[in-house]
Amino acid sequence: MANATIRELRAANDQSRVVLADDRALLGILLEDEPGIEVVQGGGDVAAAARHVLNHRPDVLVLDLAAPDQPAIEAIARLRARTPETQIVVLASDREAASAAALFAAGAVGFVAKEAVNADLTPAVRAAAQGERFISASVKAAMKSAGPVSARGGLTAPGRLTARETQVLRLIAFGHTSVEIARELALSPRTVETHRARIHKKLALASRAELVRYALSRGLLRA
């Protein structure tokens, strides 16, 4: 039976299939007795999640931002490109709210703070199944307090960065380490660190969170 037909039958029965890319049994327990939700446990890393998404074509994927094998922002962009019918909800600490804007730009529709998972997971999944955005209240507050991209010392124009520095900035914003960036761009880790230092200096931005917001504002995180 075609995937579209399966999804139509689920919709007719008001049934949403959810893949949980998380090893903690708690998440399944929170959702398994919810009417209209069918849970598929998908393992704790992005590769396992991707396999389950491709096999089951769920309505919603719940993905832990701390998944160990790939940066979550890039993983979301790739999954959305391959299975656009699957909506993605991210689990993260509310201290990681600085990444929320980049996660939404990559294609996520929900951000649930782990500190509020008991209360927020079910409504987030139900909202995502309808294609609606959900953000835990603590994350909203943290995003609001973070404000717009810092302009300490004035943001430089994109032209001030070289093409290579722009590549490095994009990969930094996607969550790659210097070693991973070096491998991706065929550079040495020391050269990547030099590019990092120059990027921070040119943009007058001190933290990775500020670099993420800058990259987002310049359209560098689009899939």
N, C-alpha and C. Protein backbone atom coordinates (compact mmCIF):
# COMPACT_ATOMS: atom_id res chain seq x y z
N MET A 1 0.85 -1.20 0.00
CA MET A 1 0.00 0.00 0.00
C MET A 1 0.89 1.24 0.00
N ALA A 2 0.54 2.23 -0.80
CA ALA A 2 1.34 3.44 -0.92
C ALA A 2 1.37 4.18 0.40
N ASN A 3 2.50 4.91 0.62
CA ASN A 3 2.64 5.68 1.85
C ASN A 3 1.53 6.69 2.02
N ALA A 4 1.15 7.34 0.90
CA ALA A 4 0.10 8.35 0.96
C ALA A 4 -1.21 7.73 1.45
N THR A 5 -1.50 6.52 0.96
CA THR A 5 -2.73 5.85 1.37
C THR A 5 -2.69 5.49 2.85
N ILE A 6 -1.54 5.03 3.33
CA ILE A 6 -1.39 4.72 4.75
C ILE A 6 -1.65 5.95 5.59
N ARG A 7 -1.09 7.07 5.17
CA ARG A 7 -1.28 8.32 5.92
C ARG A 7 -2.74 8.75 5.89
N GLU A 8 -3.41 8.54 4.76
CA GLU A 8 -4.83 8.90 4.67
C GLU A 8 -5.66 8.06 5.63
N LEU A 9 -5.34 6.76 5.74
CA LEU A 9 -6.06 5.89 6.66
C LEU A 9 -5.83 6.32 8.11
N ARG A 10 -4.58 6.68 8.42
CA ARG A 10 -4.30 7.15 9.77
C ARG A 10 -5.10 8.40 10.08
N ALA A 11 -5.11 9.33 9.11
CA ALA A 11 -5.84 10.58 9.31
C ALA A 11 -7.32 10.32 9.52
N ALA A 12 -7.85 9.38 8.73
CA ALA A 12 -9.28 9.07 8.85
C ALA A 12 -9.61 8.50 10.22
N ASN A 13 -8.63 7.76 10.80
CA ASN A 13 -8.83 7.18 12.12
C ASN A 13 -8.30 8.09 13.24
N ASP A 14 -7.89 9.29 12.88
CA ASP A 14 -7.35 10.24 13.85
C ASP A 14 -6.17 9.63 14.60
N GLN A 15 -5.31 8.91 13.87
CA GLN A 15 -4.19 8.20 14.46
C GLN A 15 -2.88 8.83 13.98
N SER A 16 -1.99 9.17 14.90
CA SER A 16 -0.69 9.74 14.56
C SER A 16 0.41 8.78 14.97
N ARG A 17 1.28 8.44 14.03
CA ARG A 17 2.41 7.55 14.34
C ARG A 17 3.60 8.42 14.72
N VAL A 18 4.26 8.06 15.83
CA VAL A 18 5.35 8.85 16.38
C VAL A 18 6.59 7.98 16.56
N VAL A 19 7.70 8.39 15.99
CA VAL A 19 8.99 7.74 16.22
C VAL A 19 9.73 8.50 17.31
N LEU A 20 10.21 7.77 18.32
CA LEU A 20 10.97 8.36 19.42
C LEU A 20 12.44 8.03 19.24
N ALA A 21 13.24 9.02 18.87
CA ALA A 21 14.68 8.81 18.72
C ALA A 21 15.34 9.11 20.05
N ASP A 22 15.09 8.26 21.01
CA ASP A 22 15.58 8.48 22.38
C ASP A 22 15.55 7.13 23.09
N ASP A 23 16.60 6.84 23.85
CA ASP A 23 16.70 5.55 24.51
C ASP A 23 15.90 5.46 25.82
N ARG A 24 15.42 6.60 26.31
CA ARG A 24 14.73 6.59 27.60
C ARG A 24 13.30 6.06 27.45
N ALA A 25 12.99 5.03 28.23
CA ALA A 25 11.66 4.42 28.16
C ALA A 25 10.57 5.39 28.61
N LEU A 26 10.97 6.41 29.38
CA LEU A 26 9.98 7.35 29.91
C LEU A 26 9.15 7.98 28.81
N LEU A 27 9.78 8.34 27.71
CA LEU A 27 9.04 9.03 26.64
C LEU A 27 7.94 8.13 26.09
N GLY A 28 8.27 6.86 25.88
CA GLY A 28 7.25 5.94 25.40
C GLY A 28 6.11 5.78 26.39
N ILE A 29 6.46 5.75 27.67
CA ILE A 29 5.44 5.62 28.71
C ILE A 29 4.52 6.83 28.71
N LEU A 30 5.09 8.02 28.49
CA LEU A 30 4.29 9.24 28.49
C LEU A 30 3.27 9.25 27.35
N LEU A 31 3.61 8.59 26.24
CA LEU A 31 2.76 8.68 25.06
C LEU A 31 1.93 7.43 24.77
N GLU A 32 2.36 6.27 25.29
CA GLU A 32 1.76 5.02 24.82
C GLU A 32 0.27 4.88 25.13
N ASP A 33 -0.19 5.52 26.19
CA ASP A 33 -1.61 5.41 26.53
C ASP A 33 -2.44 6.59 26.02
N GLU A 34 -1.80 7.48 25.27
CA GLU A 34 -2.52 8.63 24.73
C GLU A 34 -3.38 8.19 23.54
N PRO A 35 -4.66 8.52 23.55
CA PRO A 35 -5.52 8.13 22.42
C PRO A 35 -5.07 8.81 21.13
N GLY A 36 -5.09 8.04 20.05
CA GLY A 36 -4.75 8.60 18.75
C GLY A 36 -3.26 8.68 18.48
N ILE A 37 -2.41 8.13 19.38
CA ILE A 37 -0.96 8.16 19.18
C ILE A 37 -0.42 6.75 19.19
N GLU A 38 0.29 6.38 18.13
CA GLU A 38 0.96 5.09 18.02
C GLU A 38 2.46 5.33 18.12
N VAL A 39 3.13 4.73 19.09
CA VAL A 39 4.54 4.99 19.37
C VAL A 39 5.42 3.92 18.74
N VAL A 40 6.49 4.37 18.07
CA VAL A 40 7.53 3.49 17.57
C VAL A 40 8.84 3.93 18.21
N GLN A 41 9.46 3.06 19.03
CA GLN A 41 10.72 3.41 19.67
C GLN A 41 11.83 3.29 18.64
N GLY A 42 12.62 4.36 18.48
CA GLY A 42 13.57 4.39 17.37
C GLY A 42 15.02 4.42 17.73
N GLY A 43 15.40 4.20 18.98
CA GLY A 43 16.82 4.25 19.33
C GLY A 43 17.26 5.65 19.67
N GLY A 44 18.51 5.77 20.11
CA GLY A 44 18.97 7.03 20.67
C GLY A 44 19.90 7.85 19.80
N ASP A 45 20.09 7.49 18.53
CA ASP A 45 20.96 8.30 17.70
C ASP A 45 20.25 8.66 16.39
N VAL A 46 20.86 9.60 15.65
CA VAL A 46 20.22 10.12 14.44
C VAL A 46 20.12 9.05 13.35
N ALA A 47 21.16 8.23 13.22
CA ALA A 47 21.14 7.19 12.18
C ALA A 47 19.97 6.23 12.39
N ALA A 48 19.76 5.82 13.63
CA ALA A 48 18.64 4.93 13.93
C ALA A 48 17.31 5.62 13.68
N ALA A 49 17.24 6.90 14.05
CA ALA A 49 16.02 7.67 13.81
C ALA A 49 15.72 7.75 12.32
N ALA A 50 16.74 8.02 11.53
CA ALA A 50 16.54 8.13 10.08
C ALA A 50 16.01 6.84 9.50
N ARG A 51 16.56 5.71 9.96
CA ARG A 51 16.09 4.41 9.45
C ARG A 51 14.63 4.18 9.80
N HIS A 52 14.26 4.50 11.03
CA HIS A 52 12.87 4.30 11.45
C HIS A 52 11.92 5.24 10.71
N VAL A 53 12.38 6.47 10.47
CA VAL A 53 11.54 7.42 9.74
C VAL A 53 11.31 6.92 8.32
N LEU A 54 12.35 6.44 7.67
CA LEU A 54 12.21 5.95 6.30
C LEU A 54 11.36 4.68 6.24
N ASN A 55 11.47 3.84 7.26
CA ASN A 55 10.70 2.59 7.28
C ASN A 55 9.23 2.80 7.63
N HIS A 56 8.97 3.70 8.58
CA HIS A 56 7.62 3.84 9.12
C HIS A 56 6.86 5.07 8.61
N ARG A 57 7.59 6.03 8.02
CA ARG A 57 6.96 7.27 7.53
C ARG A 57 6.03 7.86 8.60
N PRO A 58 6.56 8.16 9.79
CA PRO A 58 5.69 8.63 10.87
C PRO A 58 5.19 10.05 10.62
N ASP A 59 4.17 10.41 11.36
CA ASP A 59 3.69 11.79 11.32
C ASP A 59 4.63 12.71 12.09
N VAL A 60 5.23 12.17 13.17
CA VAL A 60 6.09 12.99 14.04
C VAL A 60 7.33 12.19 14.43
N LEU A 61 8.46 12.86 14.43
CA LEU A 61 9.70 12.33 14.99
C LEU A 61 10.09 13.18 16.19
N VAL A 62 10.35 12.54 17.32
CA VAL A 62 10.86 13.23 18.51
C VAL A 62 12.35 12.94 18.58
N LEU A 63 13.18 13.99 18.45
CA LEU A 63 14.63 13.85 18.32
C LEU A 63 15.33 14.58 19.46
N ASP A 64 16.23 13.89 20.13
CA ASP A 64 17.00 14.50 21.22
C ASP A 64 18.12 15.35 20.63
N LEU A 65 18.20 16.61 21.06
CA LEU A 65 19.25 17.50 20.56
C LEU A 65 20.63 16.95 20.89
N ALA A 66 20.72 16.12 21.92
CA ALA A 66 22.01 15.57 22.35
C ALA A 66 22.31 14.23 21.68
N ALA A 67 21.60 13.89 20.60
CA ALA A 67 21.89 12.65 19.89
C ALA A 67 23.37 12.59 19.55
N PRO A 68 24.04 11.46 19.80
CA PRO A 68 25.49 11.46 19.81
C PRO A 68 26.20 11.45 18.48
N ASP A 69 25.55 11.04 17.39
CA ASP A 69 26.33 10.76 16.20
C ASP A 69 26.36 11.86 15.16
N GLN A 70 25.41 12.80 15.17
CA GLN A 70 25.39 13.88 14.17
C GLN A 70 24.86 15.15 14.81
N PRO A 71 25.33 16.34 14.35
CA PRO A 71 24.71 17.58 14.83
C PRO A 71 23.24 17.62 14.47
N ALA A 72 22.40 17.95 15.43
CA ALA A 72 20.96 17.85 15.24
C ALA A 72 20.45 18.79 14.16
N ILE A 73 21.01 19.99 14.05
CA ILE A 73 20.50 20.96 13.07
C ILE A 73 20.65 20.40 11.65
N GLU A 74 21.82 19.86 11.36
CA GLU A 74 22.04 19.31 10.03
C GLU A 74 21.18 18.06 9.82
N ALA A 75 21.03 17.26 10.85
CA ALA A 75 20.21 16.05 10.74
C ALA A 75 18.77 16.40 10.42
N ILE A 76 18.25 17.44 11.06
CA ILE A 76 16.87 17.86 10.81
C ILE A 76 16.69 18.29 9.37
N ALA A 77 17.62 19.08 8.87
CA ALA A 77 17.53 19.55 7.48
C ALA A 77 17.52 18.37 6.51
N ARG A 78 18.37 17.38 6.79
CA ARG A 78 18.44 16.21 5.90
C ARG A 78 17.17 15.37 5.98
N LEU A 79 16.68 15.15 7.18
CA LEU A 79 15.46 14.35 7.35
C LEU A 79 14.27 15.04 6.71
N ARG A 80 14.16 16.35 6.86
CA ARG A 80 13.04 17.08 6.27
C ARG A 80 13.10 17.01 4.75
N ALA A 81 14.32 17.03 4.21
CA ALA A 81 14.45 16.95 2.76
C ALA A 81 14.02 15.57 2.24
N ARG A 82 14.30 14.52 3.02
CA ARG A 82 13.99 13.16 2.58
C ARG A 82 12.55 12.76 2.88
N THR A 83 12.03 13.22 4.03
CA THR A 83 10.66 12.85 4.42
C THR A 83 9.92 14.09 4.90
N PRO A 84 9.55 14.97 3.97
CA PRO A 84 8.92 16.24 4.38
C PRO A 84 7.58 16.07 5.07
N GLU A 85 6.97 14.89 4.95
CA GLU A 85 5.68 14.67 5.60
C GLU A 85 5.83 14.42 7.11
N THR A 86 7.05 14.14 7.57
CA THR A 86 7.29 13.89 8.99
C THR A 86 7.68 15.18 9.70
N GLN A 87 6.89 15.56 10.69
CA GLN A 87 7.19 16.76 11.47
C GLN A 87 8.14 16.40 12.61
N ILE A 88 9.04 17.32 12.96
CA ILE A 88 10.09 17.01 13.93
C ILE A 88 9.96 17.87 15.18
N VAL A 89 9.96 17.19 16.32
CA VAL A 89 9.97 17.85 17.63
C VAL A 89 11.32 17.57 18.28
N VAL A 90 11.96 18.62 18.77
CA VAL A 90 13.29 18.48 19.37
C VAL A 90 13.17 18.51 20.89
N LEU A 91 13.91 17.61 21.55
CA LEU A 91 14.05 17.63 23.00
C LEU A 91 15.40 18.25 23.34
N ALA A 92 15.40 19.22 24.24
CA ALA A 92 16.66 19.86 24.63
C ALA A 92 16.50 20.52 25.98
N SER A 93 17.61 20.80 26.61
CA SER A 93 17.57 21.58 27.84
C SER A 93 17.13 23.00 27.52
N ASP A 94 16.41 23.64 28.43
CA ASP A 94 16.03 25.03 28.15
C ASP A 94 17.24 25.94 28.12
N ARG A 95 18.39 25.45 28.63
CA ARG A 95 19.62 26.22 28.53
C ARG A 95 20.16 26.24 27.09
N GLU A 96 19.62 25.36 26.24
CA GLU A 96 20.04 25.30 24.85
C GLU A 96 19.09 26.06 23.93
N ALA A 97 18.31 26.96 24.50
CA ALA A 97 17.32 27.71 23.73
C ALA A 97 17.95 28.56 22.64
N ALA A 98 19.23 28.90 22.79
CA ALA A 98 19.89 29.71 21.76
C ALA A 98 19.91 29.00 20.41
N SER A 99 19.80 27.67 20.44
CA SER A 99 19.79 26.89 19.20
C SER A 99 18.41 26.80 18.57
N ALA A 100 17.38 27.25 19.28
CA ALA A 100 16.01 27.02 18.82
C ALA A 100 15.75 27.65 17.46
N ALA A 101 16.19 28.88 17.27
CA ALA A 101 15.92 29.56 15.99
C ALA A 101 16.53 28.80 14.83
N ALA A 102 17.76 28.31 15.01
CA ALA A 102 18.41 27.55 13.95
C ALA A 102 17.70 26.22 13.71
N LEU A 103 17.22 25.60 14.78
CA LEU A 103 16.49 24.33 14.63
C LEU A 103 15.19 24.54 13.86
N PHE A 104 14.48 25.61 14.14
CA PHE A 104 13.25 25.90 13.40
C PHE A 104 13.57 26.23 11.94
N ALA A 105 14.67 26.96 11.72
CA ALA A 105 15.06 27.27 10.35
C ALA A 105 15.39 26.00 9.56
N ALA A 106 15.93 25.00 10.27
CA ALA A 106 16.27 23.74 9.60
C ALA A 106 15.04 22.90 9.31
N GLY A 107 13.92 23.17 10.01
CA GLY A 107 12.69 22.46 9.70
C GLY A 107 11.96 21.86 10.87
N ALA A 108 12.47 22.01 12.10
CA ALA A 108 11.74 21.52 13.27
C ALA A 108 10.47 22.34 13.48
N VAL A 109 9.45 21.74 14.10
CA VAL A 109 8.22 22.49 14.42
C VAL A 109 7.98 22.57 15.92
N GLY A 110 8.75 21.78 16.70
CA GLY A 110 8.54 21.80 18.14
C GLY A 110 9.85 21.80 18.90
N PHE A 111 9.86 22.46 20.06
CA PHE A 111 11.04 22.48 20.94
C PHE A 111 10.53 22.26 22.35
N VAL A 112 10.80 21.07 22.88
CA VAL A 112 10.35 20.71 24.22
C VAL A 112 11.54 20.71 25.17
N ALA A 113 11.47 21.52 26.23
CA ALA A 113 12.52 21.51 27.23
C ALA A 113 12.46 20.20 28.01
N LYS A 114 13.62 19.56 28.19
CA LYS A 114 13.65 18.30 28.93
C LYS A 114 13.11 18.48 30.34
N GLU A 115 13.31 19.68 30.89
CA GLU A 115 12.83 19.97 32.23
C GLU A 115 11.30 19.97 32.29
N ALA A 116 10.64 20.10 31.13
CA ALA A 116 9.18 20.17 31.10
C ALA A 116 8.57 19.04 30.29
N VAL A 117 9.34 17.96 30.07
CA VAL A 117 8.89 16.93 29.15
C VAL A 117 7.60 16.25 29.64
N ASN A 118 7.43 16.07 30.93
CA ASN A 118 6.21 15.42 31.43
C ASN A 118 4.95 16.16 31.01
N ALA A 119 5.01 17.49 31.07
CA ALA A 119 3.84 18.30 30.75
C ALA A 119 3.74 18.63 29.27
N ASP A 120 4.87 18.76 28.60
CA ASP A 120 4.87 19.36 27.25
C ASP A 120 4.98 18.36 26.10
N LEU A 121 5.45 17.13 26.36
CA LEU A 121 5.69 16.23 25.23
C LEU A 121 4.41 15.91 24.47
N THR A 122 3.35 15.53 25.17
CA THR A 122 2.11 15.16 24.49
C THR A 122 1.52 16.32 23.69
N PRO A 123 1.34 17.53 24.28
CA PRO A 123 0.81 18.62 23.45
C PRO A 123 1.73 18.99 22.29
N ALA A 124 3.04 18.84 22.47
CA ALA A 124 3.96 19.15 21.38
C ALA A 124 3.79 18.16 20.23
N VAL A 125 3.63 16.88 20.55
CA VAL A 125 3.43 15.87 19.52
C VAL A 125 2.10 16.09 18.81
N ARG A 126 1.06 16.39 19.56
CA ARG A 126 -0.25 16.62 18.93
C ARG A 126 -0.21 17.85 18.03
N ALA A 127 0.47 18.90 18.48
CA ALA A 127 0.59 20.10 17.65
C ALA A 127 1.37 19.79 16.38
N ALA A 128 2.49 19.07 16.52
CA ALA A 128 3.31 18.74 15.36
C ALA A 128 2.55 17.91 14.34
N ALA A 129 1.73 16.98 14.82
CA ALA A 129 0.95 16.14 13.91
C ALA A 129 0.00 16.97 13.05
N GLN A 130 -0.35 18.16 13.56
CA GLN A 130 -1.20 19.08 12.79
C GLN A 130 -0.38 20.12 12.03
N GLY A 131 0.96 19.97 12.09
CA GLY A 131 1.84 20.92 11.41
C GLY A 131 1.96 22.24 12.14
N GLU A 132 1.66 22.24 13.44
CA GLU A 132 1.68 23.48 14.22
C GLU A 132 2.92 23.54 15.12
N ARG A 133 3.41 24.73 15.35
CA ARG A 133 4.61 24.92 16.17
C ARG A 133 4.27 24.84 17.65
N PHE A 134 5.21 24.27 18.41
CA PHE A 134 5.08 24.21 19.87
C PHE A 134 6.45 24.51 20.48
N ILE A 135 6.47 25.41 21.48
CA ILE A 135 7.71 25.75 22.18
C ILE A 135 7.41 25.78 23.67
N SER A 136 8.19 25.05 24.46
CA SER A 136 8.01 25.09 25.91
C SER A 136 8.16 26.51 26.42
N ALA A 137 7.38 26.84 27.45
CA ALA A 137 7.35 28.20 27.97
C ALA A 137 8.74 28.67 28.41
N SER A 138 9.51 27.80 29.03
CA SER A 138 10.84 28.20 29.50
C SER A 138 11.76 28.52 28.33
N VAL A 139 11.58 27.82 27.21
CA VAL A 139 12.39 28.08 26.02
C VAL A 139 11.99 29.41 25.39
N LYS A 140 10.68 29.67 25.35
CA LYS A 140 10.22 30.97 24.83
C LYS A 140 10.84 32.11 25.62
N ALA A 141 10.86 31.97 26.95
CA ALA A 141 11.42 33.03 27.79
C ALA A 141 12.90 33.19 27.52
N ALA A 142 13.61 32.07 27.37
CA ALA A 142 15.05 32.15 27.11
C ALA A 142 15.33 32.77 25.75
N MET A 143 14.52 32.42 24.74
CA MET A 143 14.70 33.01 23.41
C MET A 143 14.45 34.51 23.45
N LYS A 144 13.42 34.91 24.18
CA LYS A 144 13.10 36.34 24.27
C LYS A 144 14.21 37.11 24.95
N SER A 145 14.78 36.55 26.02
CA SER A 145 15.84 37.25 26.74
C SER A 145 17.12 37.31 25.94
N ALA A 146 17.31 36.31 25.02
CA ALA A 146 18.51 36.33 24.19
C ALA A 146 18.51 37.48 23.22
N GLY A 147 17.31 37.89 22.78
CA GLY A 147 17.19 39.04 21.90
C GLY A 147 17.72 38.77 20.50
N PRO A 148 17.86 39.84 19.69
CA PRO A 148 18.35 39.70 18.33
C PRO A 148 19.85 39.45 18.30
N VAL A 149 20.38 39.25 17.12
CA VAL A 149 21.81 39.03 16.96
C VAL A 149 22.58 40.17 17.57
N SER A 150 23.58 39.83 18.37
CA SER A 150 24.39 40.87 19.00
C SER A 150 25.13 41.69 17.97
N ALA A 151 25.15 42.99 18.19
CA ALA A 151 25.87 43.88 17.29
C ALA A 151 27.00 44.57 18.03
N ARG A 152 27.56 43.88 19.02
CA ARG A 152 28.65 44.44 19.79
C ARG A 152 29.79 44.80 18.86
N GLY A 153 30.12 46.07 18.78
CA GLY A 153 31.17 46.50 17.89
C GLY A 153 30.70 46.61 16.45
N GLY A 154 29.43 46.26 16.18
CA GLY A 154 28.89 46.37 14.83
C GLY A 154 29.10 45.09 14.04
N LEU A 155 28.03 44.55 13.48
CA LEU A 155 28.17 43.37 12.64
C LEU A 155 28.84 43.76 11.33
N THR A 156 29.79 42.96 10.91
CA THR A 156 30.43 43.24 9.64
C THR A 156 29.59 42.68 8.51
N ALA A 157 29.74 43.24 7.32
CA ALA A 157 29.01 42.73 6.16
C ALA A 157 29.53 41.35 5.81
N PRO A 158 28.70 40.49 5.17
CA PRO A 158 29.14 39.15 4.83
C PRO A 158 30.41 39.15 3.98
N GLY A 159 30.58 40.17 3.17
CA GLY A 159 31.76 40.26 2.32
C GLY A 159 33.06 40.34 3.08
N ARG A 160 33.00 40.69 4.37
CA ARG A 160 34.21 40.75 5.16
C ARG A 160 34.78 39.36 5.44
N LEU A 161 33.92 38.36 5.40
CA LEU A 161 34.39 36.99 5.55
C LEU A 161 34.80 36.43 4.20
N THR A 162 35.88 35.68 4.18
CA THR A 162 36.27 35.01 2.95
C THR A 162 35.30 33.86 2.69
N ALA A 163 35.36 33.30 1.48
CA ALA A 163 34.50 32.16 1.15
C ALA A 163 34.75 30.99 2.09
N ARG A 164 36.02 30.74 2.40
CA ARG A 164 36.35 29.64 3.31
C ARG A 164 35.84 29.91 4.72
N GLU A 165 35.98 31.15 5.19
CA GLU A 165 35.49 31.50 6.51
C GLU A 165 33.98 31.34 6.59
N THR A 166 33.28 31.66 5.50
CA THR A 166 31.83 31.50 5.46
C THR A 166 31.47 30.02 5.54
N GLN A 167 32.23 29.16 4.85
CA GLN A 167 32.00 27.72 4.95
C GLN A 167 32.19 27.23 6.38
N VAL A 168 33.26 27.68 7.00
CA VAL A 168 33.55 27.27 8.38
C VAL A 168 32.46 27.77 9.32
N LEU A 169 32.03 29.03 9.14
CA LEU A 169 30.97 29.58 9.98
C LEU A 169 29.70 28.74 9.87
N ARG A 170 29.32 28.37 8.67
CA ARG A 170 28.10 27.58 8.48
C ARG A 170 28.21 26.24 9.21
N LEU A 171 29.35 25.58 9.11
CA LEU A 171 29.52 24.29 9.77
C LEU A 171 29.58 24.43 11.28
N ILE A 172 30.17 25.53 11.77
CA ILE A 172 30.14 25.80 13.20
C ILE A 172 28.69 25.93 13.67
N ALA A 173 27.91 26.70 12.92
CA ALA A 173 26.51 26.93 13.30
C ALA A 173 25.70 25.64 13.27
N PHE A 174 26.08 24.70 12.38
CA PHE A 174 25.39 23.42 12.32
C PHE A 174 25.83 22.47 13.44
N GLY A 175 26.82 22.90 14.24
CA GLY A 175 27.21 22.12 15.40
C GLY A 175 28.42 21.23 15.22
N HIS A 176 29.13 21.36 14.12
CA HIS A 176 30.31 20.52 13.89
C HIS A 176 31.49 20.96 14.76
N THR A 177 32.30 20.01 15.18
CA THR A 177 33.54 20.31 15.88
C THR A 177 34.61 20.71 14.88
N SER A 178 35.71 21.24 15.39
CA SER A 178 36.82 21.63 14.50
C SER A 178 37.36 20.43 13.73
N VAL A 179 37.43 19.27 14.39
CA VAL A 179 37.92 18.06 13.72
C VAL A 179 36.97 17.65 12.59
N GLU A 180 35.67 17.73 12.84
CA GLU A 180 34.69 17.39 11.81
C GLU A 180 34.74 18.38 10.65
N ILE A 181 34.91 19.66 10.96
CA ILE A 181 35.01 20.67 9.91
C ILE A 181 36.26 20.44 9.08
N ALA A 182 37.36 20.13 9.75
CA ALA A 182 38.60 19.86 9.03
C ALA A 182 38.44 18.70 8.07
N ARG A 183 37.76 17.65 8.53
CA ARG A 183 37.53 16.49 7.66
C ARG A 183 36.63 16.86 6.48
N GLU A 184 35.59 17.63 6.75
CA GLU A 184 34.64 18.02 5.70
C GLU A 184 35.29 18.89 4.64
N LEU A 185 36.18 19.81 5.05
CA LEU A 185 36.76 20.77 4.11
C LEU A 185 38.19 20.42 3.70
N ALA A 186 38.66 19.24 4.10
CA ALA A 186 40.01 18.80 3.77
C ALA A 186 41.06 19.80 4.27
N LEU A 187 40.91 20.22 5.51
CA LEU A 187 41.85 21.13 6.15
C LEU A 187 42.41 20.46 7.40
N SER A 188 43.42 21.08 7.97
CA SER A 188 43.91 20.60 9.25
C SER A 188 43.08 21.23 10.37
N PRO A 189 42.92 20.54 11.50
CA PRO A 189 42.19 21.15 12.63
C PRO A 189 42.80 22.48 13.05
N ARG A 190 44.11 22.62 12.97
CA ARG A 190 44.75 23.88 13.34
C ARG A 190 44.32 25.01 12.41
N THR A 191 44.20 24.71 11.11
CA THR A 191 43.73 25.73 10.16
C THR A 191 42.30 26.12 10.46
N VAL A 192 41.47 25.15 10.81
CA VAL A 192 40.08 25.45 11.17
C VAL A 192 40.03 26.35 12.39
N GLU A 193 40.88 26.07 13.39
CA GLU A 193 40.91 26.91 14.59
C GLU A 193 41.33 28.34 14.24
N THR A 194 42.24 28.47 13.29
CA THR A 194 42.63 29.82 12.84
C THR A 194 41.46 30.53 12.20
N HIS A 195 40.71 29.81 11.36
CA HIS A 195 39.52 30.41 10.74
C HIS A 195 38.50 30.80 11.81
N ARG A 196 38.31 29.93 12.80
CA ARG A 196 37.38 30.24 13.90
C ARG A 196 37.76 31.56 14.57
N ALA A 197 39.03 31.69 14.90
CA ALA A 197 39.49 32.89 15.60
C ALA A 197 39.26 34.13 14.74
N ARG A 198 39.51 34.03 13.45
CA ARG A 198 39.30 35.17 12.55
C ARG A 198 37.82 35.52 12.44
N ILE A 199 36.96 34.50 12.38
CA ILE A 199 35.52 34.74 12.29
C ILE A 199 35.03 35.48 13.53
N HIS A 200 35.41 34.99 14.70
CA HIS A 200 35.01 35.65 15.95
C HIS A 200 35.49 37.10 15.98
N LYS A 201 36.72 37.33 15.53
CA LYS A 201 37.29 38.68 15.56
C LYS A 201 36.59 39.60 14.57
N LYS A 202 36.39 39.11 13.34
CA LYS A 202 35.77 39.95 12.30
C LYS A 202 34.32 40.31 12.64
N LEU A 203 33.58 39.35 13.21
CA LEU A 203 32.18 39.60 13.50
C LEU A 203 31.96 40.17 14.89
N ALA A 204 33.02 40.23 15.69
CA ALA A 204 32.93 40.73 17.07
C ALA A 204 31.87 39.98 17.86
N LEU A 205 31.86 38.67 17.67
CA LEU A 205 30.91 37.79 18.37
C LEU A 205 31.70 36.78 19.17
N ALA A 206 31.34 36.62 20.44
CA ALA A 206 32.17 35.82 21.34
C ALA A 206 31.74 34.36 21.43
N SER A 207 30.44 34.09 21.35
CA SER A 207 29.95 32.74 21.63
C SER A 207 29.43 32.05 20.37
N ARG A 208 29.31 30.72 20.46
CA ARG A 208 28.73 29.96 19.34
C ARG A 208 27.27 30.34 19.14
N ALA A 209 26.54 30.61 20.23
CA ALA A 209 25.13 30.99 20.11
C ALA A 209 25.00 32.26 19.27
N GLU A 210 25.89 33.22 19.47
CA GLU A 210 25.85 34.44 18.68
C GLU A 210 26.17 34.15 17.22
N LEU A 211 27.11 33.22 16.98
CA LEU A 211 27.44 32.84 15.60
C LEU A 211 26.25 32.17 14.93
N VAL A 212 25.52 31.33 15.68
CA VAL A 212 24.33 30.68 15.12
C VAL A 212 23.30 31.72 14.71
N ARG A 213 23.05 32.68 15.58
CA ARG A 213 22.05 33.71 15.25
C ARG A 213 22.52 34.56 14.07
N TYR A 214 23.81 34.85 14.02
CA TYR A 214 24.34 35.61 12.88
C TYR A 214 24.15 34.82 11.58
N ALA A 215 24.55 33.53 11.60
CA ALA A 215 24.42 32.69 10.40
C ALA A 215 22.96 32.59 9.97
N LEU A 216 22.07 32.47 10.94
CA LEU A 216 20.63 32.41 10.64
C LEU A 216 20.17 33.69 9.97
N SER A 217 20.60 34.83 10.50
CA SER A 217 20.16 36.12 9.96
C SER A 217 20.67 36.33 8.54
N ARG A 218 21.78 35.67 8.19
CA ARG A 218 22.36 35.80 6.85
C ARG A 218 21.91 34.70 5.90
N GLY A 219 21.00 33.84 6.37
CA GLY A 219 20.49 32.78 5.49
C GLY A 219 21.45 31.64 5.24
N LEU A 220 22.44 31.46 6.13
CA LEU A 220 23.46 30.44 5.91
C LEU A 220 23.03 29.05 6.36
N LEU A 221 21.90 28.95 7.06
CA LEU A 221 21.48 27.66 7.60
C LEU A 221 20.37 27.01 6.79
N ARG A 222 20.05 27.57 5.67
CA ARG A 222 19.02 26.96 4.83
C ARG A 222 19.54 25.67 4.25
N ALA A 223 18.64 24.66 4.20
CA ALA A 223 19.05 23.34 3.70
C ALA A 223 19.38 23.40 2.22
